[in-house]
Amino acid sequence: MLRPLLMFIGGLLLLCGSVHAQQTSPGEFTRQRIANVHYSLSRQFVINSQFQTGWLPSAGVSSSLVRLEPNFLAVTCERIKRSLMKELGVSTDQWRGKIYLELRPARNLGETIQVTSIRSNNSWDYRVQLPDTLERSRLVSTIVELLLLEMANRNATDHSAEIPAWLAQGLTQQIITSSQVDPILQPPTEMEFGVNISRTNRSERWANPLARAHEILSNQPPLPLEQLSWPADGQFTGEAGEAYRSSAQLFVCELMNLPDGRACLRAFLAELPQHLNWQISFLKTFHNHFATQLDLEKWWALRLLNFTGRDLSRIWSVDESWRKLDEIIHSPVQVRTAANEMPMRTQVALQTIIQDWDFPRQSTLFQSKIQQLLLLRACVAQNLIPLVDGYRQAIETYMKNRDKAGFGRLAQGLSTPGLDAIAAQSIRELNGWDARLEQLRPQPGSVTEARNKTAASVANH
């Protein structure tokens, strides 16, 4: 059964840095030439080139492009495959489907790359019409997506899998920024002392593969999960493309950093053909980490804050951090000491809200508190991060357990054992975090101490 898949993989990644001569060992590729057909070392990639020349742009933009010559493309495909296997924690190459690359003369940048999935016997094969001049990043992205598709379809029967864009783009960026050897091998272009020398532009500044992503996402808004899942038209070009690829790389890296994260990603790939919606496959294979889509969204929001928000030049002092956290966990309310008296403002602890307020009011306030604590985490001093996380988790746990209980108090003053137990447990947790917060209270004479004394004085009048 033929099923055409159109892959629009855009974006122009400019790699700059020192210049190096390309080297490869004699055994790095095997060639069998029959009617212009070339095979890669593992024989998974079959490259057919019937033409000698294609479109090549002017020298002003050609530094980011690569001319695809069959022999060297075969080596490039194997290099990319080895890098991908390393990222996914795959030790043995167990490919089943062949990938046929048909080179044709390039006409312009941004040409559509057409991929056809072919079901034959017990495997899927793939035929790709590929222009013979491509942006470097687009070449890597194309091969990565083909390899992921082949991995996912090894046990597919009825229909071919569809690879989420965030997975292909994220792994592409990780390979480009983490590979010690340039994955793209190019044909020689110069002669020095009678020897063909091929040169390429490559950055060696990225000791941390996510350094470039951090730079981009510090200046552009990172993408929420919904935009990663369903990229809009034009999402892969220009600054939007940089933000998407950087967000996707961070998302994939954070998933791989989870306990058994790489194993979950491999299971996710195998599960993709079983469902039309990748989210179902994802939650099924990552269920030990994310029970619901909402859990995944909250986790991603925290990862983004942790990655982009911890600029040391913008972190508050310990005193200021303590004050901000204290403001969040004590809610200002208005109370009257007598019916004919003017209302006065005072602060109410989270424990009091759990003990005395009805659940609808609690729910509204606590949802706001959770968001405030998430945002606060990006700015507080390092030693207060565990407290910020502890208060937030205590509130989330209470909300979750209280929502599951599904009933309210019978009447004012009457005992409701189930709710009382939930409240008591949450209050004990909050008391523990209050004790730790008190230990970090700023010393007398600080700005925070003066503010607390003033608030206490107002509350006592």
Protein backbone atom coordinates (compact mmCIF):
# COMPACT_ATOMS: atom_id res chain seq x y z
CA MET A 1 0.00 0.00 0.00
CA LEU A 2 1.36 3.40 -0.97
CA ARG A 3 0.99 6.23 1.45
CA PRO A 4 2.55 9.56 0.52
CA LEU A 5 3.82 11.66 3.36
CA LEU A 6 4.78 15.25 2.68
CA MET A 7 7.42 16.54 5.01
CA PHE A 8 7.90 20.27 5.19
CA ILE A 9 11.09 20.63 7.10
CA GLY A 10 12.28 24.20 7.03
CA GLY A 11 14.65 26.50 8.69
CA LEU A 12 18.14 27.69 8.00
CA LEU A 13 20.76 26.98 10.67
CA LEU A 14 23.97 28.96 10.29
CA LEU A 15 26.93 27.10 11.75
CA CYS A 16 30.04 29.25 12.19
CA GLY A 17 33.45 28.65 13.68
CA SER A 18 36.84 27.19 12.85
CA VAL A 19 37.60 25.47 9.56
CA HIS A 20 38.61 21.81 9.51
CA ALA A 21 39.65 19.34 6.83
CA GLN A 22 37.19 16.49 6.37
CA GLN A 23 38.54 13.03 7.10
CA THR A 24 37.03 9.57 6.81
CA SER A 25 38.42 6.06 7.14
CA PRO A 26 38.55 3.77 4.09
CA GLY A 27 36.02 1.37 5.63
CA GLU A 28 33.45 4.03 6.50
CA PHE A 29 31.36 3.34 3.44
CA THR A 30 30.80 0.56 0.95
CA ARG A 31 29.76 1.28 -2.61
CA GLN A 32 28.11 -0.94 -5.14
CA ARG A 33 27.65 0.95 -8.37
CA ILE A 34 25.13 -0.53 -10.79
CA ALA A 35 23.38 1.99 -13.01
CA ASN A 36 24.27 4.85 -10.62
CA VAL A 37 23.05 3.02 -7.48
CA HIS A 38 25.10 3.37 -4.29
CA TYR A 39 24.72 1.53 -0.97
CA SER A 40 25.64 2.67 2.53
CA LEU A 41 27.82 0.53 4.79
CA SER A 42 24.83 -1.14 6.52
CA ARG A 43 23.02 -1.30 3.14
CA GLN A 44 19.95 0.31 4.69
CA PHE A 45 20.38 3.40 2.49
CA VAL A 46 20.22 2.99 -1.28
CA ILE A 47 21.09 6.14 -3.25
CA ASN A 48 20.21 6.62 -6.88
CA SER A 49 21.57 9.54 -8.88
CA GLN A 50 20.88 9.84 -12.60
CA PHE A 51 22.07 13.43 -12.94
CA GLN A 52 25.47 15.04 -12.65
CA THR A 53 24.61 18.65 -11.87
CA GLY A 54 21.94 20.62 -10.10
CA TRP A 55 21.18 24.14 -9.01
CA LEU A 56 23.87 25.75 -6.87
CA PRO A 57 23.36 29.24 -5.41
CA SER A 58 25.84 32.05 -5.40
CA ALA A 59 28.81 31.95 -3.03
CA GLY A 60 27.08 34.45 -0.75
CA VAL A 61 24.69 31.82 0.69
CA SER A 62 26.36 28.53 -0.23
CA SER A 63 28.26 28.25 3.08
CA SER A 64 25.11 26.92 4.76
CA LEU A 65 24.34 24.46 1.96
CA VAL A 66 25.70 21.06 1.05
CA ARG A 67 25.90 19.42 -2.37
CA LEU A 68 24.76 15.80 -2.10
CA GLU A 69 27.15 13.45 -3.84
CA PRO A 70 26.00 9.78 -3.61
CA ASN A 71 29.15 8.29 -2.03
CA PHE A 72 29.43 10.96 0.62
CA LEU A 73 25.68 11.00 1.26
CA ALA A 74 25.89 7.29 2.07
CA VAL A 75 28.48 8.04 4.77
CA THR A 76 26.44 10.99 6.05
CA CYS A 77 23.34 8.82 6.49
CA GLU A 78 25.28 6.25 8.50
CA ARG A 79 26.85 8.95 10.68
CA ILE A 80 23.45 10.45 11.44
CA LYS A 81 22.08 7.00 12.24
CA ARG A 82 24.88 6.30 14.70
CA SER A 83 24.31 9.64 16.41
CA LEU A 84 20.56 9.00 16.63
CA MET A 85 21.08 5.53 18.08
CA LYS A 86 23.39 7.03 20.69
CA GLU A 87 20.83 9.66 21.69
CA LEU A 88 18.08 7.03 22.03
CA GLY A 89 20.31 4.56 23.86
CA VAL A 90 20.16 1.94 21.09
CA SER A 91 23.22 -0.31 21.10
CA THR A 92 22.47 -2.60 18.14
CA ASP A 93 21.32 -1.58 14.67
CA GLN A 94 18.25 -3.71 13.93
CA TRP A 95 16.85 -1.94 10.88
CA ARG A 96 14.22 -3.67 8.75
CA GLY A 97 13.11 -1.12 6.18
CA LYS A 98 15.28 0.15 3.34
CA ILE A 99 15.46 3.85 2.59
CA TYR A 100 15.80 4.72 -1.11
CA LEU A 101 17.10 8.24 -1.77
CA GLU A 102 16.57 9.45 -5.33
CA LEU A 103 18.65 12.56 -6.02
CA ARG A 104 17.35 15.08 -8.53
CA PRO A 105 18.73 18.45 -9.61
CA ALA A 106 17.81 21.17 -7.13
CA ARG A 107 15.92 24.12 -8.53
CA ASN A 108 15.65 26.42 -5.50
CA LEU A 109 15.69 26.52 -1.71
CA GLY A 110 12.68 25.22 0.16
CA GLU A 111 11.72 22.50 -2.30
CA THR A 112 9.25 19.94 -1.02
CA ILE A 113 10.82 16.62 -0.04
CA GLN A 114 8.40 13.84 -0.91
CA VAL A 115 8.47 10.59 1.07
CA THR A 116 6.48 7.51 0.09
CA SER A 117 6.03 4.67 2.59
CA ILE A 118 5.70 1.25 0.94
CA ARG A 119 4.39 -1.81 2.73
CA SER A 120 6.01 -5.00 1.41
CA ASN A 121 5.89 -8.44 3.03
CA ASN A 122 6.85 -7.94 6.70
CA SER A 123 8.49 -4.53 6.47
CA TRP A 124 8.07 -0.97 5.30
CA ASP A 125 10.38 0.66 2.77
CA TYR A 126 10.71 4.36 1.98
CA ARG A 127 11.33 6.21 -1.27
CA VAL A 128 12.47 9.81 -1.05
CA GLN A 129 12.86 12.36 -3.83
CA LEU A 130 15.67 14.56 -2.61
CA PRO A 131 17.11 17.72 -4.25
CA ASP A 132 20.87 17.40 -4.59
CA THR A 133 21.53 20.73 -2.83
CA LEU A 134 20.11 21.26 0.67
CA GLU A 135 20.60 23.33 3.79
CA ARG A 136 22.76 21.39 6.22
CA SER A 137 20.15 21.36 8.99
CA ARG A 138 17.41 20.31 6.59
CA LEU A 139 19.46 17.34 5.39
CA VAL A 140 20.01 16.14 8.97
CA SER A 141 16.35 16.70 9.81
CA THR A 142 15.20 14.70 6.79
CA ILE A 143 17.41 11.70 7.57
CA VAL A 144 16.47 11.80 11.27
CA GLU A 145 12.75 11.76 10.45
CA LEU A 146 13.22 8.88 8.01
CA LEU A 147 15.13 6.86 10.60
CA LEU A 148 12.50 7.54 13.27
CA LEU A 149 9.79 6.49 10.83
CA GLU A 150 11.62 3.25 10.08
CA MET A 151 12.07 2.52 13.80
CA ALA A 152 8.40 3.22 14.55
CA ASN A 153 7.12 1.05 11.68
CA ARG A 154 9.10 -2.10 12.45
CA ASN A 155 6.00 -3.69 13.98
CA ALA A 156 3.37 -1.63 12.15
CA THR A 157 0.76 -3.46 10.09
CA ASP A 158 -2.28 -1.44 9.06
CA HIS A 159 -0.82 2.02 8.59
CA SER A 160 2.43 3.91 8.81
CA ALA A 161 3.29 5.92 11.91
CA GLU A 162 3.39 9.71 11.92
CA ILE A 163 6.38 11.19 13.71
CA PRO A 164 5.62 14.27 15.85
CA ALA A 165 7.47 17.32 14.62
CA TRP A 166 8.88 18.05 18.10
CA LEU A 167 10.55 14.64 18.24
CA ALA A 168 12.23 14.86 14.82
CA GLN A 169 13.26 18.50 15.21
CA GLY A 170 14.41 18.07 18.81
CA LEU A 171 16.61 15.08 18.02
CA THR A 172 17.94 16.85 14.92
CA GLN A 173 19.13 19.81 16.98
CA GLN A 174 20.61 17.52 19.61
CA ILE A 175 22.61 15.64 16.97
CA ILE A 176 23.83 18.84 15.32
CA THR A 177 24.98 20.43 18.58
CA SER A 178 26.35 17.35 20.38
CA SER A 179 28.11 15.30 17.70
CA GLN A 180 31.89 15.44 18.09
CA VAL A 181 32.29 14.59 14.40
CA ASP A 182 30.40 16.59 11.79
CA PRO A 183 27.62 14.24 10.67
CA ILE A 184 27.74 15.63 7.12
CA LEU A 185 30.58 14.43 4.92
CA GLN A 186 31.09 16.56 1.83
CA PRO A 187 33.05 15.93 -1.37
CA PRO A 188 36.43 17.65 -1.81
CA THR A 189 36.23 21.16 -3.20
CA GLU A 190 39.87 22.35 -3.18
CA MET A 191 43.33 21.14 -4.11
CA GLU A 192 46.28 21.63 -1.75
CA PHE A 193 49.65 20.12 -2.63
CA GLY A 194 47.92 17.83 -5.09
CA VAL A 195 45.46 16.48 -2.48
CA ASN A 196 41.70 17.03 -2.53
CA ILE A 197 40.61 18.89 0.61
CA SER A 198 37.02 19.45 1.71
CA ARG A 199 36.25 22.21 4.19
CA THR A 200 33.18 22.90 6.27
CA ASN A 201 32.06 25.57 8.73
CA ARG A 202 31.41 24.12 12.16
CA SER A 203 31.11 25.60 15.63
CA GLU A 204 33.14 24.00 18.42
CA ARG A 205 31.91 26.45 21.08
CA TRP A 206 28.97 24.34 22.22
CA ALA A 207 30.42 22.41 25.15
CA ASN A 208 26.81 22.22 26.33
CA PRO A 209 24.53 21.06 23.47
CA LEU A 210 21.74 23.24 24.90
CA ALA A 211 23.83 26.42 25.04
CA ARG A 212 22.47 27.71 21.72
CA ALA A 213 18.91 26.81 22.74
CA HIS A 214 19.36 28.75 25.99
CA GLU A 215 20.59 31.78 24.08
CA ILE A 216 17.61 31.69 21.71
CA LEU A 217 14.96 31.00 24.35
CA SER A 218 16.33 33.75 26.58
CA ASN A 219 15.49 36.27 23.84
CA GLN A 220 12.37 34.67 22.37
CA PRO A 221 9.36 33.19 24.16
CA PRO A 222 9.70 29.40 24.48
CA LEU A 223 6.81 27.39 23.07
CA PRO A 224 4.09 25.89 25.28
CA LEU A 225 3.21 22.25 24.76
CA GLU A 226 0.25 22.99 22.51
CA GLN A 227 2.39 24.87 19.99
CA LEU A 228 5.06 22.17 20.09
CA SER A 229 2.40 19.56 19.41
CA TRP A 230 0.64 21.39 16.60
CA PRO A 231 3.06 23.77 14.86
CA ALA A 232 1.39 26.49 12.81
CA ASP A 233 2.11 27.43 9.20
CA GLY A 234 5.48 29.13 8.97
CA GLN A 235 6.57 27.68 12.31
CA PHE A 236 9.82 26.28 10.89
CA THR A 237 11.22 29.42 9.27
CA GLY A 238 12.99 32.52 10.56
CA GLU A 239 12.97 33.36 14.25
CA ALA A 240 9.85 31.25 14.77
CA GLY A 241 11.78 28.26 13.44
CA GLU A 242 14.67 28.90 15.81
CA ALA A 243 12.28 29.10 18.78
CA TYR A 244 10.50 25.91 17.70
CA ARG A 245 13.68 23.87 17.20
CA SER A 246 15.22 25.12 20.45
CA SER A 247 12.04 24.38 22.41
CA ALA A 248 11.81 20.94 20.80
CA GLN A 249 15.44 20.16 21.63
CA LEU A 250 14.92 21.14 25.27
CA PHE A 251 11.69 19.10 25.46
CA VAL A 252 13.38 15.98 24.07
CA CYS A 253 16.44 16.40 26.31
CA GLU A 254 14.31 16.80 29.41
CA LEU A 255 12.37 13.65 28.49
CA MET A 256 15.61 11.72 28.03
CA ASN A 257 16.84 12.97 31.41
CA LEU A 258 13.90 11.35 33.18
CA PRO A 259 14.61 8.02 34.88
CA ASP A 260 14.28 5.46 32.04
CA GLY A 261 13.50 8.39 29.73
CA ARG A 262 15.32 6.94 26.72
CA ALA A 263 13.57 3.59 27.17
CA CYS A 264 10.24 5.43 27.28
CA LEU A 265 11.07 7.26 24.04
CA ARG A 266 11.91 3.97 22.33
CA ALA A 267 8.64 2.48 23.56
CA PHE A 268 6.83 5.61 22.39
CA LEU A 269 8.19 5.14 18.87
CA ALA A 270 7.06 1.52 18.80
CA GLU A 271 3.60 2.50 20.05
CA LEU A 272 3.00 5.28 17.50
CA PRO A 273 1.51 3.09 14.72
CA GLN A 274 -1.13 1.77 17.14
CA HIS A 275 -2.84 5.13 17.55
CA LEU A 276 -3.79 8.01 15.27
CA ASN A 277 -3.06 10.50 18.06
CA TRP A 278 0.52 10.59 19.34
CA GLN A 279 -0.63 11.88 22.76
CA ILE A 280 -2.30 8.53 23.46
CA SER A 281 0.91 6.69 22.65
CA PHE A 282 2.90 9.15 24.75
CA LEU A 283 0.78 8.88 27.90
CA LYS A 284 0.72 5.10 27.56
CA THR A 285 4.50 4.79 27.47
CA PHE A 286 5.32 7.65 29.88
CA HIS A 287 2.56 6.76 32.37
CA ASN A 288 5.04 6.39 35.25
CA HIS A 289 5.90 10.06 34.87
CA PHE A 290 2.70 11.70 33.59
CA ALA A 291 -0.74 10.40 34.52
CA THR A 292 -2.56 13.00 32.43
CA GLN A 293 -1.91 15.58 29.73
CA LEU A 294 -2.23 18.26 32.41
CA ASP A 295 0.61 16.66 34.38
CA LEU A 296 2.78 16.84 31.25
CA GLU A 297 1.91 20.50 30.70
CA LYS A 298 2.74 21.41 34.30
CA TRP A 299 6.03 19.52 34.09
CA TRP A 300 6.97 21.32 30.86
CA ALA A 301 6.11 24.72 32.36
CA LEU A 302 8.48 23.99 35.26
CA ARG A 303 11.24 22.85 32.92
CA LEU A 304 10.92 26.04 30.91
CA LEU A 305 11.11 28.18 34.03
CA ASN A 306 14.11 26.28 35.29
CA PHE A 307 15.89 26.50 31.92
CA THR A 308 15.17 30.06 30.88
CA GLY A 309 14.45 31.83 34.15
CA ARG A 310 17.54 31.17 36.22
CA ASP A 311 19.60 34.11 35.00
CA LEU A 312 21.96 34.69 37.94
CA SER A 313 22.05 38.42 37.26
CA ARG A 314 18.30 38.61 37.93
CA ILE A 315 18.00 36.38 41.00
CA TRP A 316 16.71 38.09 44.14
CA SER A 317 18.66 38.20 47.36
CA VAL A 318 17.80 35.73 50.13
CA ASP A 319 15.97 38.43 52.10
CA GLU A 320 13.92 39.55 49.12
CA SER A 321 13.19 35.94 48.14
CA TRP A 322 12.00 35.17 51.67
CA ARG A 323 9.72 38.20 51.66
CA LYS A 324 8.15 37.32 48.30
CA LEU A 325 7.47 33.74 49.37
CA ASP A 326 6.02 34.92 52.69
CA GLU A 327 3.63 37.24 50.82
CA ILE A 328 2.32 34.38 48.69
CA ILE A 329 1.68 31.90 51.48
CA HIS A 330 -0.13 34.49 53.61
CA SER A 331 -3.23 35.80 51.85
CA PRO A 332 -4.46 39.33 52.69
CA VAL A 333 -8.13 39.48 53.71
CA GLN A 334 -10.46 42.07 55.25
CA VAL A 335 -12.05 41.38 58.66
CA ARG A 336 -14.37 43.30 61.00
CA THR A 337 -13.95 43.20 64.77
CA ALA A 338 -17.51 44.57 65.17
CA ALA A 339 -20.52 45.14 62.94
CA ASN A 340 -20.14 48.94 63.08
CA GLU A 341 -16.36 48.95 62.65
CA MET A 342 -14.49 49.60 59.41
CA PRO A 343 -12.94 46.44 57.90
CA MET A 344 -9.20 46.02 58.38
CA ARG A 345 -6.67 44.03 56.37
CA THR A 346 -4.88 41.07 57.86
CA GLN A 347 -3.09 37.97 56.62
CA VAL A 348 -4.47 34.45 56.63
CA ALA A 349 -2.29 31.33 56.51
CA LEU A 350 -2.89 28.50 54.06
CA GLN A 351 -3.77 26.24 56.98
CA THR A 352 -6.60 28.56 58.02
CA ILE A 353 -8.01 28.58 54.51
CA ILE A 354 -8.02 24.76 54.43
CA GLN A 355 -9.62 24.58 57.87
CA ASP A 356 -12.33 27.25 57.54
CA TRP A 357 -13.09 28.09 53.90
CA ASP A 358 -15.51 26.24 51.65
CA PHE A 359 -13.96 24.32 48.77
CA PRO A 360 -15.08 26.58 45.87
CA ARG A 361 -13.33 29.55 47.51
CA GLN A 362 -10.30 27.42 48.32
CA SER A 363 -10.08 26.16 44.76
CA THR A 364 -10.08 29.64 43.22
CA LEU A 365 -7.45 30.96 45.62
CA PHE A 366 -5.19 27.90 45.51
CA GLN A 367 -5.10 27.80 41.71
CA SER A 368 -3.82 31.37 41.86
CA LYS A 369 -1.26 30.39 44.52
CA ILE A 370 0.06 27.55 42.37
CA GLN A 371 0.66 29.89 39.43
CA GLN A 372 2.32 32.49 41.68
CA LEU A 373 4.66 29.87 43.10
CA LEU A 374 5.57 28.61 39.61
CA LEU A 375 6.52 32.13 38.56
CA LEU A 376 8.28 32.84 41.85
CA ARG A 377 10.58 29.86 41.34
CA ALA A 378 12.36 31.62 38.47
CA CYS A 379 13.60 34.48 40.66
CA VAL A 380 14.17 33.24 44.22
CA ALA A 381 17.54 32.51 45.73
CA GLN A 382 18.77 28.95 45.28
CA ASN A 383 18.27 27.85 48.89
CA LEU A 384 14.58 28.80 48.80
CA ILE A 385 13.73 26.77 45.70
CA PRO A 386 12.96 23.59 47.73
CA LEU A 387 10.52 25.58 49.87
CA VAL A 388 8.77 27.09 46.86
CA ASP A 389 8.41 23.62 45.34
CA GLY A 390 7.34 22.15 48.68
CA TYR A 391 4.51 24.64 49.23
CA ARG A 392 3.30 24.23 45.65
CA GLN A 393 3.31 20.44 45.83
CA ALA A 394 1.51 20.48 49.17
CA ILE A 395 -1.25 22.67 47.71
CA GLU A 396 -1.52 20.56 44.56
CA THR A 397 -1.74 17.35 46.60
CA TYR A 398 -4.47 18.81 48.80
CA MET A 399 -6.44 20.00 45.76
CA LYS A 400 -6.15 16.62 44.09
CA ASN A 401 -7.20 14.65 47.17
CA ARG A 402 -9.96 17.09 48.06
CA ASP A 403 -11.36 16.95 44.53
CA LYS A 404 -11.40 13.13 44.61
CA ALA A 405 -13.34 13.15 47.89
CA GLY A 406 -16.33 14.57 46.02
CA PHE A 407 -18.38 15.80 48.96
CA GLY A 408 -18.65 18.83 51.21
CA ARG A 409 -19.11 19.42 54.88
CA LEU A 410 -22.57 18.62 56.21
CA ALA A 411 -22.89 21.75 58.32
CA GLN A 412 -20.79 24.24 60.23
CA GLY A 413 -19.15 22.53 63.18
CA LEU A 414 -20.07 18.98 62.16
CA SER A 415 -17.26 16.45 61.65
CA THR A 416 -16.70 14.92 58.21
CA PRO A 417 -14.05 12.21 58.74
CA GLY A 418 -12.86 11.93 55.13
CA LEU A 419 -12.39 15.65 54.65
CA ASP A 420 -10.95 16.12 58.11
CA ALA A 421 -8.25 13.53 57.39
CA ILE A 422 -7.31 15.18 54.10
CA ALA A 423 -7.19 18.60 55.74
CA ALA A 424 -5.16 17.35 58.71
CA GLN A 425 -2.55 15.73 56.45
CA SER A 426 -2.17 18.86 54.34
CA ILE A 427 -1.94 21.10 57.40
CA ARG A 428 0.84 18.92 58.83
CA GLU A 429 2.79 19.22 55.57
CA LEU A 430 2.34 22.99 55.48
CA ASN A 431 3.40 23.28 59.14
CA GLY A 432 6.61 21.47 58.23
CA TRP A 433 7.37 23.89 55.39
CA ASP A 434 6.51 26.84 57.66
CA ALA A 435 9.08 25.58 60.18
CA ARG A 436 11.77 25.43 57.48
CA LEU A 437 10.80 28.89 56.25
CA GLU A 438 11.05 30.28 59.77
CA GLN A 439 14.61 28.96 60.02
CA LEU A 440 15.51 31.10 57.01
CA ARG A 441 13.85 34.25 58.34
CA PRO A 442 16.13 37.26 57.72
CA GLN A 443 18.11 38.54 60.67
CA PRO A 444 16.87 41.59 62.65
CA GLY A 445 17.62 44.87 60.94
CA SER A 446 16.95 43.64 57.41
CA VAL A 447 14.28 45.12 55.18
CA THR A 448 12.21 41.95 55.47
CA GLU A 449 12.29 41.96 59.27
CA ALA A 450 11.11 45.58 59.36
CA ARG A 451 8.22 44.76 57.04
CA ASN A 452 7.14 41.79 59.18
CA LYS A 453 7.16 43.88 62.34
CA THR A 454 5.02 46.52 60.66
CA ALA A 455 2.53 43.89 59.47
CA ALA A 456 2.36 42.35 62.93
CA SER A 457 1.73 45.76 64.49
CA VAL A 458 -1.17 46.43 62.12
CA ALA A 459 -2.69 43.02 62.76
CA ASN A 460 -2.68 43.60 66.52
CA HIS A 461 -4.67 46.85 66.36
